[in-house]
Amino acid sequence: MMWLVFTRKASVLVGLIAMILLLAACGGSTSSHSPTSPTKNAAVTATAPQVVKLITLVGPPTAKMLSGTTFDVVGQVKNGDDKQHDITLQATLLDASGIKIATATQLVDNVAGGATVAYTISGTTPQPTWKSVQVTVLKVSENIDGSGSD
């Protein structure tokens, strides 16, 4: 009986060792198969903030009520990079105390390198009056460190 228990434990142990060796062998071949993917992704994340710094808002944005609770924020954005990018902007309406009333986002698609383009950001607000409007660049995508094809 003791020998049977030892044999079961030994066979389980041998099975586990075989699985570990098999997984180690598989892991070695897959990691050497595509070593550039993690490096490329790391480079994209590292350079995106640098590209965002190249995007500038030209002049102050203006906001107006359209009808009901719908508003538009208009302005211009400049792509200071030499590559085309998609630029995501966010407009925020603030009351006299600086409290956020409403926000809206808009993708400005395919802005050529060096170009200045007009944007319109539409949204809704629970309050028809505000004191100020702010526009910020949320994200720059496409053609970051060679990624993107538009």
Protein backbone atom coordinates (compact mmCIF):
# COMPACT_ATOMS: atom_id res chain seq x y z
CA MET A 1 0.00 0.00 0.00
CA MET A 2 2.82 2.40 0.89
CA TRP A 3 4.55 1.58 -2.39
CA LEU A 4 1.31 2.40 -4.32
CA VAL A 5 1.04 5.85 -2.67
CA PHE A 6 4.71 6.54 -3.42
CA THR A 7 4.23 5.47 -7.04
CA ARG A 8 1.22 7.81 -7.49
CA LYS A 9 3.11 10.73 -5.99
CA ALA A 10 6.15 9.94 -8.12
CA SER A 11 4.09 9.72 -11.32
CA VAL A 12 2.36 13.03 -10.53
CA LEU A 13 5.74 14.61 -9.87
CA VAL A 14 7.20 13.22 -13.09
CA GLY A 15 4.12 14.49 -15.00
CA LEU A 16 4.51 17.99 -13.54
CA ILE A 17 8.21 18.10 -14.37
CA ALA A 18 7.45 16.99 -17.93
CA MET A 19 4.82 19.77 -18.31
CA ILE A 20 7.22 22.38 -16.94
CA LEU A 21 9.93 21.29 -19.36
CA LEU A 22 7.45 21.32 -22.24
CA LEU A 23 6.20 24.80 -21.34
CA ALA A 24 9.75 26.07 -20.97
CA ALA A 25 10.62 24.74 -24.40
CA CYS A 26 7.52 26.32 -25.96
CA GLY A 27 8.08 29.60 -24.19
CA GLY A 28 11.64 29.81 -25.50
CA SER A 29 10.58 29.41 -29.12
CA THR A 30 7.67 31.86 -29.00
CA SER A 31 9.61 34.62 -27.27
CA SER A 32 12.35 34.50 -29.87
CA HIS A 33 9.76 34.36 -32.68
CA SER A 34 8.58 37.99 -32.38
CA PRO A 35 10.86 40.08 -30.19
CA THR A 36 10.03 43.36 -31.96
CA SER A 37 6.36 43.60 -30.96
CA PRO A 38 6.86 44.58 -27.30
CA THR A 39 9.67 46.96 -28.22
CA LYS A 40 7.58 48.68 -30.88
CA ASN A 41 4.59 49.06 -28.53
CA ALA A 42 6.84 50.54 -25.85
CA ALA A 43 8.19 53.05 -28.36
CA VAL A 44 4.68 54.08 -29.40
CA THR A 45 3.66 54.76 -25.80
CA ALA A 46 6.86 56.63 -25.05
CA THR A 47 6.59 58.99 -28.02
CA ALA A 48 2.84 59.77 -27.93
CA PRO A 49 3.21 62.49 -25.23
CA GLN A 50 5.97 64.10 -27.26
CA VAL A 51 3.68 64.28 -30.30
CA VAL A 52 0.85 65.77 -28.19
CA LYS A 53 3.22 68.63 -27.32
CA LEU A 54 3.47 69.45 -31.04
CA ILE A 55 -0.29 70.08 -31.28
CA THR A 56 -1.34 73.65 -30.44
CA LEU A 57 -4.63 75.46 -30.21
CA VAL A 58 -4.67 78.64 -32.30
CA GLY A 59 -6.47 81.52 -30.59
CA PRO A 60 -9.20 81.21 -27.99
CA PRO A 61 -12.12 78.85 -28.59
CA THR A 62 -15.65 80.26 -28.68
CA ALA A 63 -18.83 78.57 -27.53
CA LYS A 64 -22.46 79.26 -28.38
CA MET A 65 -25.82 77.70 -27.69
CA LEU A 66 -27.56 76.32 -30.76
CA SER A 67 -31.01 75.21 -29.63
CA GLY A 68 -32.37 73.65 -26.49
CA THR A 69 -29.41 72.21 -24.60
CA THR A 70 -27.06 71.83 -27.59
CA PHE A 71 -23.86 73.87 -27.81
CA ASP A 72 -20.97 74.22 -30.26
CA VAL A 73 -17.38 75.12 -29.48
CA VAL A 74 -15.34 76.31 -32.47
CA GLY A 75 -11.67 77.11 -32.91
CA GLN A 76 -8.51 76.12 -34.74
CA VAL A 77 -5.85 73.52 -34.04
CA LYS A 78 -2.35 73.29 -35.55
CA ASN A 79 -0.42 70.08 -36.15
CA GLY A 80 3.19 71.16 -35.51
CA ASP A 81 4.55 67.76 -36.54
CA ASP A 82 5.63 66.87 -40.08
CA LYS A 83 3.35 63.78 -40.10
CA GLN A 84 -0.42 63.58 -40.49
CA HIS A 85 -2.32 62.85 -37.25
CA ASP A 86 -5.80 62.31 -35.89
CA ILE A 87 -6.36 64.70 -32.97
CA THR A 88 -8.98 64.16 -30.26
CA LEU A 89 -10.08 67.39 -28.56
CA GLN A 90 -12.24 67.95 -25.48
CA ALA A 91 -14.28 71.08 -24.80
CA THR A 92 -15.29 71.94 -21.24
CA LEU A 93 -17.82 74.59 -20.23
CA LEU A 94 -17.18 76.12 -16.78
CA ASP A 95 -19.40 78.25 -14.54
CA ALA A 96 -18.25 81.42 -12.72
CA SER A 97 -16.77 79.29 -9.88
CA GLY A 98 -14.73 77.19 -12.31
CA ILE A 99 -17.02 74.19 -11.84
CA LYS A 100 -17.42 71.94 -14.86
CA ILE A 101 -20.87 72.22 -16.40
CA ALA A 102 -20.45 70.06 -19.50
CA THR A 103 -17.85 68.35 -21.65
CA ALA A 104 -17.79 67.07 -25.21
CA THR A 105 -15.13 65.44 -27.36
CA GLN A 106 -14.43 65.46 -31.08
CA LEU A 107 -11.99 63.66 -33.35
CA VAL A 108 -10.33 65.96 -35.88
CA ASP A 109 -9.38 63.44 -38.53
CA ASN A 110 -6.35 63.41 -40.84
CA VAL A 111 -4.70 66.73 -39.97
CA ALA A 112 -1.74 67.03 -42.33
CA GLY A 113 1.71 67.80 -40.95
CA GLY A 114 2.14 71.56 -40.46
CA ALA A 115 -1.55 72.26 -41.15
CA THR A 116 -3.93 74.46 -39.16
CA VAL A 117 -7.56 73.36 -39.36
CA ALA A 118 -10.88 74.51 -37.92
CA TYR A 119 -12.77 72.29 -35.49
CA THR A 120 -16.30 72.19 -34.13
CA ILE A 121 -17.10 70.30 -30.95
CA SER A 122 -20.81 69.74 -30.29
CA GLY A 123 -22.36 68.70 -27.00
CA THR A 124 -25.24 69.17 -24.63
CA THR A 125 -25.40 71.03 -21.35
CA PRO A 126 -27.89 71.02 -18.47
CA GLN A 127 -27.29 74.75 -18.03
CA PRO A 128 -27.62 77.30 -20.90
CA THR A 129 -25.08 79.78 -19.47
CA TRP A 130 -21.41 79.44 -18.60
CA LYS A 131 -18.52 81.72 -17.78
CA SER A 132 -15.66 80.19 -19.79
CA VAL A 133 -14.74 77.43 -22.19
CA GLN A 134 -11.56 75.35 -22.30
CA VAL A 135 -10.34 73.07 -25.07
CA THR A 136 -7.64 70.47 -24.48
CA VAL A 137 -5.88 67.90 -26.62
CA LEU A 138 -6.85 64.50 -25.23
CA LYS A 139 -5.04 62.24 -27.65
CA VAL A 140 -3.02 62.18 -30.84
CA SER A 141 -3.23 59.01 -32.86
CA GLU A 142 -2.14 57.77 -36.27
CA ASN A 143 1.44 57.95 -37.44
CA ILE A 144 2.98 57.83 -33.96
CA ASP A 145 6.50 56.42 -34.32
CA GLY A 146 5.65 55.02 -37.74
CA SER A 147 2.31 53.44 -36.78
CA GLY A 148 -0.83 54.21 -38.78
CA SER A 149 -1.40 54.26 -42.49
CA ASP A 150 -3.82 57.10 -43.31
